[in-house]
Amino acid sequence: MTVEQAPLAVPRLRELDALRGFALGGILLVNIEIMSDPSGFAPGAARTLSEALFHNKFYVLFSFLFGYSPTMQFRSAERAGVSGLGDSAAARIARALSAVAASRAVGRFRCRTADFGI
């Protein structure tokens, strides 16, 4: 009787988790402005500080970390010997292009329906 050993689990990267939390906290800070008053802060020091330090900074960080997660999952799957996503580079490129095409189609649909208040 043979017993298969499971591959050793790679521990979570606490630094990445901390960065994700930091990015989500920053996004919350940016959105608090809109949640507190839909017109946003009045022109002045608070608005200037918010725009200089927070706007669009945390979205970039969160997007990078969100995109990096599948990379870590693929590497983990390769270490475990699992390859269910297709081995060829052509298959990966085809999946990426189909995802881009689908997101563009959704974006076009949303732009057209926004004119009608849907």
PDB file of N, CA and C in Angstrom:
ATOM      1  N   MET A   1       0.836  -1.154   0.000  1.00  0.00           N
ATOM      2  CA  MET A   1       0.000   0.000   0.000  1.00  0.00           C
ATOM      3  C   MET A   1       0.900   1.241   0.000  1.00  0.00           C
ATOM      4  N   THR A   2       0.636   2.149  -0.947  1.00  0.00           N
ATOM      5  CA  THR A   2       1.430   3.373  -1.027  1.00  0.00           C
ATOM      6  C   THR A   2       0.609   4.552  -0.530  1.00  0.00           C
ATOM      7  N   VAL A   3       1.284   5.415   0.126  1.00  0.00           N
ATOM      8  CA  VAL A   3       0.638   6.613   0.657  1.00  0.00           C
ATOM      9  C   VAL A   3       1.262   7.811  -0.051  1.00  0.00           C
ATOM     10  N   GLU A   4       0.394   8.609  -0.686  1.00  0.00           N
ATOM     11  CA  GLU A   4       0.888   9.806  -1.365  1.00  0.00           C
ATOM     12  C   GLU A   4       1.003  10.938  -0.359  1.00  0.00           C
ATOM     13  N   GLN A   5       2.120  11.604  -0.430  1.00  0.00           N
ATOM     14  CA  GLN A   5       2.314  12.744   0.458  1.00  0.00           C
ATOM     15  C   GLN A   5       1.833  14.005  -0.249  1.00  0.00           C
ATOM     16  N   ALA A   6       1.088  14.802   0.459  1.00  0.00           N
ATOM     17  CA  ALA A   6       0.634  16.079  -0.090  1.00  0.00           C
ATOM     18  C   ALA A   6       1.818  17.031  -0.132  1.00  0.00           C
ATOM     19  N   PRO A   7       1.871  17.877  -1.159  1.00  0.00           N
ATOM     20  CA  PRO A   7       2.966  18.845  -1.203  1.00  0.00           C
ATOM     21  C   PRO A   7       2.886  19.782   0.001  1.00  0.00           C
ATOM     22  N   LEU A   8       4.049  20.225   0.420  1.00  0.00           N
ATOM     23  CA  LEU A   8       4.093  21.126   1.563  1.00  0.00           C
ATOM     24  C   LEU A   8       3.407  22.438   1.212  1.00  0.00           C
ATOM     25  N   ALA A   9       2.562  22.884   2.098  1.00  0.00           N
ATOM     26  CA  ALA A   9       1.850  24.139   1.878  1.00  0.00           C
ATOM     27  C   ALA A   9       2.802  25.307   2.096  1.00  0.00           C
ATOM     28  N   VAL A  10       2.695  26.282   1.224  1.00  0.00           N
ATOM     29  CA  VAL A  10       3.506  27.483   1.361  1.00  0.00           C
ATOM     30  C   VAL A  10       2.749  28.425   2.294  1.00  0.00           C
ATOM     31  N   PRO A  11       3.404  28.940   3.304  1.00  0.00           N
ATOM     32  CA  PRO A  11       2.696  29.828   4.239  1.00  0.00           C
ATOM     33  C   PRO A  11       2.254  31.122   3.550  1.00  0.00           C
ATOM     34  N   ARG A  12       1.198  31.701   4.084  1.00  0.00           N
ATOM     35  CA  ARG A  12       0.709  32.977   3.553  1.00  0.00           C
ATOM     36  C   ARG A  12       1.779  34.043   3.753  1.00  0.00           C
ATOM     37  N   LEU A  13       1.826  34.947   2.830  1.00  0.00           N
ATOM     38  CA  LEU A  13       2.753  36.064   2.942  1.00  0.00           C
ATOM     39  C   LEU A  13       2.057  37.186   3.700  1.00  0.00           C
ATOM     40  N   ARG A  14       2.415  37.334   4.951  1.00  0.00           N
ATOM     41  CA  ARG A  14       1.756  38.321   5.805  1.00  0.00           C
ATOM     42  C   ARG A  14       1.972  39.745   5.295  1.00  0.00           C
ATOM     43  N   GLU A  15       3.090  39.974   4.642  1.00  0.00           N
ATOM     44  CA  GLU A  15       3.361  41.305   4.118  1.00  0.00           C
ATOM     45  C   GLU A  15       2.354  41.675   3.039  1.00  0.00           C
ATOM     46  N   LEU A  16       2.026  40.710   2.170  1.00  0.00           N
ATOM     47  CA  LEU A  16       1.031  40.970   1.127  1.00  0.00           C
ATOM     48  C   LEU A  16      -0.341  41.193   1.729  1.00  0.00           C
ATOM     49  N   ASP A  17      -0.686  40.428   2.755  1.00  0.00           N
ATOM     50  CA  ASP A  17      -1.968  40.634   3.432  1.00  0.00           C
ATOM     51  C   ASP A  17      -2.028  42.020   4.054  1.00  0.00           C
ATOM     52  N   ALA A  18      -0.913  42.459   4.641  1.00  0.00           N
ATOM     53  CA  ALA A  18      -0.868  43.801   5.243  1.00  0.00           C
ATOM     54  C   ALA A  18      -1.005  44.873   4.170  1.00  0.00           C
ATOM     55  N   LEU A  19      -0.355  44.681   3.027  1.00  0.00           N
ATOM     56  CA  LEU A  19      -0.489  45.645   1.937  1.00  0.00           C
ATOM     57  C   LEU A  19      -1.914  45.701   1.407  1.00  0.00           C
ATOM     58  N   ARG A  20      -2.566  44.542   1.312  1.00  0.00           N
ATOM     59  CA  ARG A  20      -3.966  44.519   0.870  1.00  0.00           C
ATOM     60  C   ARG A  20      -4.844  45.299   1.845  1.00  0.00           C
ATOM     61  N   GLY A  21      -4.635  45.087   3.124  1.00  0.00           N
ATOM     62  CA  GLY A  21      -5.397  45.822   4.123  1.00  0.00           C
ATOM     63  C   GLY A  21      -5.134  47.317   4.058  1.00  0.00           C
ATOM     64  N   PHE A  22      -3.877  47.689   3.853  1.00  0.00           N
ATOM     65  CA  PHE A  22      -3.507  49.095   3.721  1.00  0.00           C
ATOM     66  C   PHE A  22      -4.197  49.716   2.508  1.00  0.00           C
ATOM     67  N   ALA A  23      -4.203  48.981   1.383  1.00  0.00           N
ATOM     68  CA  ALA A  23      -4.846  49.486   0.171  1.00  0.00           C
ATOM     69  C   ALA A  23      -6.351  49.627   0.370  1.00  0.00           C
ATOM     70  N   LEU A  24      -6.978  48.654   1.005  1.00  0.00           N
ATOM     71  CA  LEU A  24      -8.419  48.747   1.260  1.00  0.00           C
ATOM     72  C   LEU A  24      -8.738  49.893   2.213  1.00  0.00           C
ATOM     73  N   GLY A  25      -7.897  50.103   3.204  1.00  0.00           N
ATOM     74  CA  GLY A  25      -8.094  51.241   4.104  1.00  0.00           C
ATOM     75  C   GLY A  25      -7.985  52.567   3.368  1.00  0.00           C
ATOM     76  N   GLY A  26      -7.033  52.667   2.451  1.00  0.00           N
ATOM     77  CA  GLY A  26      -6.888  53.888   1.655  1.00  0.00           C
ATOM     78  C   GLY A  26      -8.077  54.122   0.743  1.00  0.00           C
ATOM     79  N   ILE A  27      -8.588  53.047   0.146  1.00  0.00           N
ATOM     80  CA  ILE A  27      -9.774  53.168  -0.694  1.00  0.00           C
ATOM     81  C   ILE A  27     -10.958  53.626   0.150  1.00  0.00           C
ATOM     82  N   LEU A  28     -11.059  53.120   1.363  1.00  0.00           N
ATOM     83  CA  LEU A  28     -12.117  53.554   2.268  1.00  0.00           C
ATOM     84  C   LEU A  28     -11.982  55.054   2.573  1.00  0.00           C
ATOM     85  N   LEU A  29     -10.764  55.513   2.830  1.00  0.00           N
ATOM     86  CA  LEU A  29     -10.553  56.945   3.084  1.00  0.00           C
ATOM     87  C   LEU A  29     -11.014  57.801   1.909  1.00  0.00           C
ATOM     88  N   VAL A  30     -10.706  57.355   0.695  1.00  0.00           N
ATOM     89  CA  VAL A  30     -11.119  58.112  -0.486  1.00  0.00           C
ATOM     90  C   VAL A  30     -12.641  58.112  -0.610  1.00  0.00           C
ATOM     91  N   ASN A  31     -13.270  56.977  -0.339  1.00  0.00           N
ATOM     92  CA  ASN A  31     -14.714  56.875  -0.510  1.00  0.00           C
ATOM     93  C   ASN A  31     -15.495  57.502   0.627  1.00  0.00           C
ATOM     94  N   ILE A  32     -14.895  57.693   1.779  1.00  0.00           N
ATOM     95  CA  ILE A  32     -15.587  58.357   2.886  1.00  0.00           C
ATOM     96  C   ILE A  32     -15.983  59.771   2.472  1.00  0.00           C
ATOM     97  N   GLU A  33     -15.141  60.396   1.687  1.00  0.00           N
ATOM     98  CA  GLU A  33     -15.437  61.747   1.202  1.00  0.00           C
ATOM     99  C   GLU A  33     -16.769  61.762   0.451  1.00  0.00           C
ATOM    100  N   ILE A  34     -16.971  60.816  -0.422  1.00  0.00           N
ATOM    101  CA  ILE A  34     -18.200  60.763  -1.216  1.00  0.00           C
ATOM    102  C   ILE A  34     -19.367  60.277  -0.363  1.00  0.00           C
ATOM    103  N   MET A  35     -19.111  59.327   0.545  1.00  0.00           N
ATOM    104  CA  MET A  35     -20.193  58.813   1.384  1.00  0.00           C
ATOM    105  C   MET A  35     -20.698  59.867   2.363  1.00  0.00           C
ATOM    106  N   SER A  36     -19.810  60.735   2.816  1.00  0.00           N
ATOM    107  CA  SER A  36     -20.246  61.749   3.781  1.00  0.00           C
ATOM    108  C   SER A  36     -21.033  62.865   3.108  1.00  0.00           C
ATOM    109  N   ASP A  37     -20.650  63.220   1.903  1.00  0.00           N
ATOM    110  CA  ASP A  37     -21.348  64.278   1.170  1.00  0.00           C
ATOM    111  C   ASP A  37     -21.157  63.997  -0.318  1.00  0.00           C
ATOM    112  N   PRO A  38     -22.227  63.697  -1.057  1.00  0.00           N
ATOM    113  CA  PRO A  38     -22.081  63.338  -2.473  1.00  0.00           C
ATOM    114  C   PRO A  38     -21.367  64.388  -3.314  1.00  0.00           C
ATOM    115  N   SER A  39     -21.394  65.644  -2.896  1.00  0.00           N
ATOM    116  CA  SER A  39     -20.685  66.668  -3.666  1.00  0.00           C
ATOM    117  C   SER A  39     -19.196  66.705  -3.321  1.00  0.00           C
ATOM    118  N   GLY A  40     -18.780  65.952  -2.312  1.00  0.00           N
ATOM    119  CA  GLY A  40     -17.375  65.895  -1.928  1.00  0.00           C
ATOM    120  C   GLY A  40     -17.002  67.036  -1.005  1.00  0.00           C
ATOM    121  N   PHE A  41     -15.741  67.114  -0.670  1.00  0.00           N
ATOM    122  CA  PHE A  41     -15.261  68.186   0.189  1.00  0.00           C
ATOM    123  C   PHE A  41     -15.319  69.514  -0.566  1.00  0.00           C
ATOM    124  N   ALA A  42     -15.539  70.564   0.178  1.00  0.00           N
ATOM    125  CA  ALA A  42     -15.481  71.899  -0.411  1.00  0.00           C
ATOM    126  C   ALA A  42     -14.027  72.197  -0.774  1.00  0.00           C
ATOM    127  N   PRO A  43     -13.809  73.038  -1.781  1.00  0.00           N
ATOM    128  CA  PRO A  43     -12.426  73.383  -2.121  1.00  0.00           C
ATOM    129  C   PRO A  43     -11.710  73.966  -0.902  1.00  0.00           C
ATOM    130  N   GLY A  44     -10.517  73.495  -0.689  1.00  0.00           N
ATOM    131  CA  GLY A  44      -9.742  73.959   0.451  1.00  0.00           C
ATOM    132  C   GLY A  44      -8.650  72.976   0.789  1.00  0.00           C
ATOM    133  N   ALA A  45      -8.137  73.087   2.001  1.00  0.00           N
ATOM    134  CA  ALA A  45      -6.995  72.274   2.419  1.00  0.00           C
ATOM    135  C   ALA A  45      -7.342  70.787   2.492  1.00  0.00           C
ATOM    136  N   ALA A  46      -8.519  70.446   3.010  1.00  0.00           N
ATOM    137  CA  ALA A  46      -8.890  69.032   3.145  1.00  0.00           C
ATOM    138  C   ALA A  46      -8.995  68.367   1.779  1.00  0.00           C
ATOM    139  N   ARG A  47      -9.590  69.054   0.828  1.00  0.00           N
ATOM    140  CA  ARG A  47      -9.733  68.484  -0.514  1.00  0.00           C
ATOM    141  C   ARG A  47      -8.380  68.352  -1.204  1.00  0.00           C
ATOM    142  N   THR A  48      -7.555  69.369  -1.091  1.00  0.00           N
ATOM    143  CA  THR A  48      -6.225  69.330  -1.699  1.00  0.00           C
ATOM    144  C   THR A  48      -5.395  68.199  -1.107  1.00  0.00           C
ATOM    145  N   LEU A  49      -5.439  68.058   0.212  1.00  0.00           N
ATOM    146  CA  LEU A  49      -4.703  66.987   0.882  1.00  0.00           C
ATOM    147  C   LEU A  49      -5.221  65.616   0.449  1.00  0.00           C
ATOM    148  N   SER A  50      -6.530  65.470   0.376  1.00  0.00           N
ATOM    149  CA  SER A  50      -7.124  64.205  -0.039  1.00  0.00           C
ATOM    150  C   SER A  50      -6.725  63.840  -1.465  1.00  0.00           C
ATOM    151  N   GLU A  51      -6.795  64.810  -2.369  1.00  0.00           N
ATOM    152  CA  GLU A  51      -6.443  64.542  -3.759  1.00  0.00           C
ATOM    153  C   GLU A  51      -4.956  64.250  -3.919  1.00  0.00           C
ATOM    154  N   ALA A  52      -4.113  64.958  -3.181  1.00  0.00           N
ATOM    155  CA  ALA A  52      -2.663  64.784  -3.317  1.00  0.00           C
ATOM    156  C   ALA A  52      -2.183  63.459  -2.746  1.00  0.00           C
ATOM    157  N   LEU A  53      -2.757  63.045  -1.622  1.00  0.00           N
ATOM    158  CA  LEU A  53      -2.232  61.867  -0.930  1.00  0.00           C
ATOM    159  C   LEU A  53      -2.993  60.574  -1.207  1.00  0.00           C
ATOM    160  N   PHE A  54      -4.281  60.658  -1.507  1.00  0.00           N
ATOM    161  CA  PHE A  54      -5.079  59.437  -1.537  1.00  0.00           C
ATOM    162  C   PHE A  54      -5.678  59.067  -2.884  1.00  0.00           C
ATOM    163  N   HIS A  55      -6.173  60.040  -3.626  1.00  0.00           N
ATOM    164  CA  HIS A  55      -6.887  59.721  -4.856  1.00  0.00           C
ATOM    165  C   HIS A  55      -6.011  58.931  -5.827  1.00  0.00           C
ATOM    166  N   ASN A  56      -6.551  57.850  -6.307  1.00  0.00           N
ATOM    167  CA  ASN A  56      -5.958  56.976  -7.327  1.00  0.00           C
ATOM    168  C   ASN A  56      -4.667  56.283  -6.893  1.00  0.00           C
ATOM    169  N   LYS A  57      -4.184  56.523  -5.705  1.00  0.00           N
ATOM    170  CA  LYS A  57      -2.959  55.854  -5.254  1.00  0.00           C
ATOM    171  C   LYS A  57      -3.266  54.440  -4.773  1.00  0.00           C
ATOM    172  N   PHE A  58      -4.298  54.303  -3.988  1.00  0.00           N
ATOM    173  CA  PHE A  58      -4.605  53.008  -3.383  1.00  0.00           C
ATOM    174  C   PHE A  58      -5.253  52.051  -4.376  1.00  0.00           C
ATOM    175  N   TYR A  59      -5.959  52.585  -5.370  1.00  0.00           N
ATOM    176  CA  TYR A  59      -6.549  51.733  -6.396  1.00  0.00           C
ATOM    177  C   TYR A  59      -5.454  51.001  -7.171  1.00  0.00           C
ATOM    178  N   VAL A  60      -4.379  51.706  -7.459  1.00  0.00           N
ATOM    179  CA  VAL A  60      -3.258  51.106  -8.197  1.00  0.00           C
ATOM    180  C   VAL A  60      -2.637  49.979  -7.377  1.00  0.00           C
ATOM    181  N   LEU A  61      -2.399  50.234  -6.101  1.00  0.00           N
ATOM    182  CA  LEU A  61      -1.807  49.217  -5.235  1.00  0.00           C
ATOM    183  C   LEU A  61      -2.718  48.002  -5.113  1.00  0.00           C
ATOM    184  N   PHE A  62      -4.011  48.240  -4.885  1.00  0.00           N
ATOM    185  CA  PHE A  62      -4.946  47.130  -4.741  1.00  0.00           C
ATOM    186  C   PHE A  62      -5.053  46.353  -6.050  1.00  0.00           C
ATOM    187  N   SER A  63      -5.089  47.047  -7.173  1.00  0.00           N
ATOM    188  CA  SER A  63      -5.177  46.366  -8.477  1.00  0.00           C
ATOM    189  C   SER A  63      -3.948  45.502  -8.722  1.00  0.00           C
ATOM    190  N   PHE A  64      -2.774  46.019  -8.387  1.00  0.00           N
ATOM    191  CA  PHE A  64      -1.555  45.236  -8.549  1.00  0.00           C
ATOM    192  C   PHE A  64      -1.612  43.972  -7.700  1.00  0.00           C
ATOM    193  N   LEU A  65      -2.007  44.114  -6.447  1.00  0.00           N
ATOM    194  CA  LEU A  65      -2.065  42.955  -5.557  1.00  0.00           C
ATOM    195  C   LEU A  65      -3.138  41.976  -6.000  1.00  0.00           C
ATOM    196  N   PHE A  66      -4.255  42.486  -6.496  1.00  0.00           N
ATOM    197  CA  PHE A  66      -5.322  41.620  -6.998  1.00  0.00           C
ATOM    198  C   PHE A  66      -4.826  40.821  -8.204  1.00  0.00           C
ATOM    199  N   GLY A  67      -4.044  41.457  -9.066  1.00  0.00           N
ATOM    200  CA  GLY A  67      -3.496  40.765 -10.231  1.00  0.00           C
ATOM    201  C   GLY A  67      -2.365  39.813  -9.879  1.00  0.00           C
ATOM    202  N   TYR A  68      -1.670  40.092  -8.801  1.00  0.00           N
ATOM    203  CA  TYR A  68      -0.546  39.239  -8.401  1.00  0.00           C
ATOM    204  C   TYR A  68      -1.020  37.936  -7.770  1.00  0.00           C
ATOM    205  N   SER A  69      -2.214  37.935  -7.193  1.00  0.00           N
ATOM    206  CA  SER A  69      -2.735  36.729  -6.530  1.00  0.00           C
ATOM    207  C   SER A  69      -2.833  35.526  -7.468  1.00  0.00           C
ATOM    208  N   PRO A  70      -3.395  35.669  -8.688  1.00  0.00           N
ATOM    209  CA  PRO A  70      -3.417  34.505  -9.589  1.00  0.00           C
ATOM    210  C   PRO A  70      -2.021  34.007  -9.945  1.00  0.00           C
ATOM    211  N   THR A  71      -1.067  34.923 -10.039  1.00  0.00           N
ATOM    212  CA  THR A  71       0.311  34.511 -10.322  1.00  0.00           C
ATOM    213  C   THR A  71       0.821  33.592  -9.218  1.00  0.00           C
ATOM    214  N   MET A  72       0.548  33.956  -7.991  1.00  0.00           N
ATOM    215  CA  MET A  72       0.972  33.113  -6.871  1.00  0.00           C
ATOM    216  C   MET A  72       0.234  31.775  -6.896  1.00  0.00           C
ATOM    217  N   GLN A  73      -1.042  31.777  -7.262  1.00  0.00           N
ATOM    218  CA  GLN A  73      -1.805  30.529  -7.335  1.00  0.00           C
ATOM    219  C   GLN A  73      -1.258  29.625  -8.440  1.00  0.00           C
ATOM    220  N   PHE A  74      -0.920  30.201  -9.590  1.00  0.00           N
ATOM    221  CA  PHE A  74      -0.366  29.402 -10.685  1.00  0.00           C
ATOM    222  C   PHE A  74       0.973  28.787 -10.297  1.00  0.00           C
ATOM    223  N   ARG A  75       1.811  29.561  -9.616  1.00  0.00           N
ATOM    224  CA  ARG A  75       3.104  29.026  -9.173  1.00  0.00           C
ATOM    225  C   ARG A  75       2.916  27.902  -8.163  1.00  0.00           C
ATOM    226  N   SER A  76       1.956  28.068  -7.282  1.00  0.00           N
ATOM    227  CA  SER A  76       1.666  27.025  -6.299  1.00  0.00           C
ATOM    228  C   SER A  76       1.170  25.764  -6.990  1.00  0.00           C
ATOM    229  N   ALA A  77       0.332  25.937  -8.017  1.00  0.00           N
ATOM    230  CA  ALA A  77      -0.170  24.778  -8.763  1.00  0.00           C
ATOM    231  C   ALA A  77       0.959  24.081  -9.504  1.00  0.00           C
ATOM    232  N   GLU A  78       1.900  24.840 -10.052  1.00  0.00           N
ATOM    233  CA  GLU A  78       3.040  24.239 -10.738  1.00  0.00           C
ATOM    234  C   GLU A  78       3.896  23.433  -9.771  1.00  0.00           C
ATOM    235  N   ARG A  79       4.109  23.962  -8.557  1.00  0.00           N
ATOM    236  CA  ARG A  79       4.882  23.222  -7.559  1.00  0.00           C
ATOM    237  C   ARG A  79       4.183  21.935  -7.169  1.00  0.00           C
ATOM    238  N   ALA A  80       2.850  21.959  -7.156  1.00  0.00           N
ATOM    239  CA  ALA A  80       2.083  20.770  -6.785  1.00  0.00           C
ATOM    240  C   ALA A  80       1.927  19.805  -7.948  1.00  0.00           C
ATOM    241  N   GLY A  81       2.344  20.225  -9.137  1.00  0.00           N
ATOM    242  CA  GLY A  81       2.237  19.357 -10.298  1.00  0.00           C
ATOM    243  C   GLY A  81       0.874  19.376 -10.954  1.00  0.00           C
ATOM    244  N   VAL A  82       0.065  20.353 -10.627  1.00  0.00           N
ATOM    245  CA  VAL A  82      -1.271  20.469 -11.207  1.00  0.00           C
ATOM    246  C   VAL A  82      -1.191  21.445 -12.366  1.00  0.00           C
ATOM    247  N   SER A  83      -1.752  21.045 -13.492  1.00  0.00           N
ATOM    248  CA  SER A  83      -1.717  21.910 -14.662  1.00  0.00           C
ATOM    249  C   SER A  83      -3.039  21.786 -15.400  1.00  0.00           C
ATOM    250  N   GLY A  84      -4.084  22.340 -14.857  1.00  0.00           N
ATOM    251  CA  GLY A  84      -5.386  22.232 -15.481  1.00  0.00           C
ATOM    252  C   GLY A  84      -5.747  23.404 -16.359  1.00  0.00           C
ATOM    253  N   LEU A  85      -4.863  24.383 -16.490  1.00  0.00           N
ATOM    254  CA  LEU A  85      -5.196  25.589 -17.235  1.00  0.00           C
ATOM    255  C   LEU A  85      -4.617  25.608 -18.646  1.00  0.00           C
ATOM    256  N   GLY A  86      -3.970  24.571 -19.061  1.00  0.00           N
ATOM    257  CA  GLY A  86      -3.350  24.567 -20.381  1.00  0.00           C
ATOM    258  C   GLY A  86      -1.900  24.982 -20.261  1.00  0.00           C
ATOM    259  N   ASP A  87      -1.029  24.197 -20.841  1.00  0.00           N
ATOM    260  CA  ASP A  87       0.393  24.443 -20.658  1.00  0.00           C
ATOM    261  C   ASP A  87       0.971  25.435 -21.650  1.00  0.00           C
ATOM    262  N   SER A  88       0.330  25.588 -22.784  1.00  0.00           N
ATOM    263  CA  SER A  88       0.970  26.385 -23.823  1.00  0.00           C
ATOM    264  C   SER A  88       0.772  27.871 -23.587  1.00  0.00           C
ATOM    265  N   ALA A  89       1.732  28.637 -24.059  1.00  0.00           N
ATOM    266  CA  ALA A  89       1.630  30.094 -23.959  1.00  0.00           C
ATOM    267  C   ALA A  89       0.485  30.598 -24.822  1.00  0.00           C
ATOM    268  N   ALA A  90       0.225  29.926 -25.932  1.00  0.00           N
ATOM    269  CA  ALA A  90      -0.875  30.335 -26.813  1.00  0.00           C
ATOM    270  C   ALA A  90      -2.219  30.222 -26.096  1.00  0.00           C
ATOM    271  N   ALA A  91      -2.387  29.186 -25.291  1.00  0.00           N
ATOM    272  CA  ALA A  91      -3.639  29.025 -24.552  1.00  0.00           C
ATOM    273  C   ALA A  91      -3.787  30.133 -23.521  1.00  0.00           C
ATOM    274  N   ARG A  92      -2.709  30.509 -22.867  1.00  0.00           N
ATOM    275  CA  ARG A  92      -2.769  31.593 -21.887  1.00  0.00           C
ATOM    276  C   ARG A  92      -3.096  32.925 -22.551  1.00  0.00           C
ATOM    277  N   ILE A  93      -2.474  33.177 -23.696  1.00  0.00           N
ATOM    278  CA  ILE A  93      -2.734  34.425 -24.416  1.00  0.00           C
ATOM    279  C   ILE A  93      -4.170  34.465 -24.911  1.00  0.00           C
ATOM    280  N   ALA A  94      -4.677  33.337 -25.399  1.00  0.00           N
ATOM    281  CA  ALA A  94      -6.065  33.286 -25.870  1.00  0.00           C
ATOM    282  C   ALA A  94      -7.035  33.574 -24.726  1.00  0.00           C
ATOM    283  N   ARG A  95      -6.771  33.027 -23.535  1.00  0.00           N
ATOM    284  CA  ARG A  95      -7.635  33.303 -22.381  1.00  0.00           C
ATOM    285  C   ARG A  95      -7.579  34.772 -22.003  1.00  0.00           C
ATOM    286  N   ALA A  96      -6.393  35.359 -22.021  1.00  0.00           N
ATOM    287  CA  ALA A  96      -6.260  36.767 -21.658  1.00  0.00           C
ATOM    288  C   ALA A  96      -6.995  37.659 -22.659  1.00  0.00           C
ATOM    289  N   LEU A  97      -6.846  37.365 -23.944  1.00  0.00           N
ATOM    290  CA  LEU A  97      -7.521  38.169 -24.959  1.00  0.00           C
ATOM    291  C   LEU A  97      -9.037  38.017 -24.879  1.00  0.00           C
ATOM    292  N   SER A  98      -9.512  36.821 -24.567  1.00  0.00           N
ATOM    293  CA  SER A  98     -10.960  36.649 -24.434  1.00  0.00           C
ATOM    294  C   SER A  98     -11.490  37.406 -23.219  1.00  0.00           C
ATOM    295  N   ALA A  99     -10.719  37.471 -22.146  1.00  0.00           N
ATOM    296  CA  ALA A  99     -11.135  38.241 -20.978  1.00  0.00           C
ATOM    297  C   ALA A  99     -11.179  39.732 -21.303  1.00  0.00           C
ATOM    298  N   VAL A 100     -10.213  40.224 -22.067  1.00  0.00           N
ATOM    299  CA  VAL A 100     -10.210  41.631 -22.466  1.00  0.00           C
ATOM    300  C   VAL A 100     -11.414  41.926 -23.349  1.00  0.00           C
ATOM    301  N   ALA A 101     -11.702  41.038 -24.303  1.00  0.00           N
ATOM    302  CA  ALA A 101     -12.845  41.238 -25.197  1.00  0.00           C
ATOM    303  C   ALA A 101     -14.158  41.241 -24.419  1.00  0.00           C
ATOM    304  N   ALA A 102     -14.284  40.349 -23.457  1.00  0.00           N
ATOM    305  CA  ALA A 102     -15.513  40.289 -22.658  1.00  0.00           C
ATOM    306  C   ALA A 102     -15.671  41.558 -21.821  1.00  0.00           C
ATOM    307  N   SER A 103     -14.594  42.040 -21.231  1.00  0.00           N
ATOM    308  CA  SER A 103     -14.708  43.249 -20.410  1.00  0.00           C
ATOM    309  C   SER A 103     -15.026  44.471 -21.269  1.00  0.00           C
ATOM    310  N   ARG A 104     -14.490  44.528 -22.463  1.00  0.00           N
ATOM    311  CA  ARG A 104     -14.822  45.643 -23.356  1.00  0.00           C
ATOM    312  C   ARG A 104     -16.280  45.590 -23.787  1.00  0.00           C
ATOM    313  N   ALA A 105     -16.788  44.389 -24.033  1.00  0.00           N
ATOM    314  CA  ALA A 105     -18.195  44.249 -24.415  1.00  0.00           C
ATOM    315  C   ALA A 105     -19.106  44.697 -23.278  1.00  0.00           C
ATOM    316  N   VAL A 106     -18.770  44.328 -22.061  1.00  0.00           N
ATOM    317  CA  VAL A 106     -19.562  44.755 -20.909  1.00  0.00           C
ATOM    318  C   VAL A 106     -19.481  46.270 -20.755  1.00  0.00           C
ATOM    319  N   GLY A 107     -18.315  46.835 -20.937  1.00  0.00           N
ATOM    320  CA  GLY A 107     -18.156  48.281 -20.841  1.00  0.00           C
ATOM    321  C   GLY A 107     -18.974  49.022 -21.879  1.00  0.00           C
ATOM    322  N   ARG A 108     -19.013  48.525 -23.099  1.00  0.00           N
ATOM    323  CA  ARG A 108     -19.817  49.163 -24.144  1.00  0.00           C
ATOM    324  C   ARG A 108     -21.294  49.077 -23.811  1.00  0.00           C
ATOM    325  N   PHE A 109     -21.724  47.939 -23.310  1.00  0.00           N
ATOM    326  CA  PHE A 109     -23.131  47.773 -22.941  1.00  0.00           C
ATOM    327  C   PHE A 109     -23.505  48.743 -21.835  1.00  0.00           C
ATOM    328  N   ARG A 110     -22.647  48.881 -20.841  1.00  0.00           N
ATOM    329  CA  ARG A 110     -22.943  49.777 -19.719  1.00  0.00           C
ATOM    330  C   ARG A 110     -22.985  51.224 -20.181  1.00  0.00           C
ATOM    331  N   CYS A 111     -22.106  51.616 -21.103  1.00  0.00           N
ATOM    332  CA  CYS A 111     -22.122  52.994 -21.598  1.00  0.00           C
ATOM    333  C   CYS A 111     -23.403  53.278 -22.362  1.00  0.00           C
ATOM    334  N   ARG A 112     -23.862  52.328 -23.150  1.00  0.00           N
ATOM    335  CA  ARG A 112     -25.081  52.547 -23.934  1.00  0.00           C
ATOM    336  C   ARG A 112     -26.311  52.594 -23.045  1.00  0.00           C
ATOM    337  N   THR A 113     -26.373  51.761 -22.018  1.00  0.00           N
ATOM    338  CA  THR A 113     -27.552  51.755 -21.157  1.00  0.00           C
ATOM    339  C   THR A 113     -27.539  52.933 -20.182  1.00  0.00           C
ATOM    340  N   ALA A 114     -26.379  53.531 -19.924  1.00  0.00           N
ATOM    341  CA  ALA A 114     -26.324  54.671 -19.004  1.00  0.00           C
ATOM    342  C   ALA A 114     -27.082  55.866 -19.570  1.00  0.00           C
ATOM    343  N   ASP A 115     -27.124  55.969 -20.902  1.00  0.00           N
ATOM    344  CA  ASP A 115     -27.842  57.081 -21.518  1.00  0.00           C
ATOM    345  C   ASP A 115     -29.342  56.997 -21.289  1.00  0.00           C
ATOM    346  N   PHE A 116     -29.842  55.785 -21.045  1.00  0.00           N
ATOM    347  CA  PHE A 116     -31.273  55.585 -20.865  1.00  0.00           C
ATOM    348  C   PHE A 116     -31.672  55.476 -19.411  1.00  0.00           C
ATOM    349  N   GLY A 117     -30.723  55.639 -18.514  1.00  0.00           N
ATOM    350  CA  GLY A 117     -31.033  55.571 -17.086  1.00  0.00           C
ATOM    351  C   GLY A 117     -31.290  54.163 -16.583  1.00  0.00           C
ATOM    352  N   ILE A 118     -30.751  53.172 -17.287  1.00  0.00           N
ATOM    353  CA  ILE A 118     -30.944  51.772 -16.882  1.00  0.00           C
ATOM    354  C   ILE A 118     -29.856  51.395 -15.915  1.00  0.00           C
TER     355      ILE A 118
END
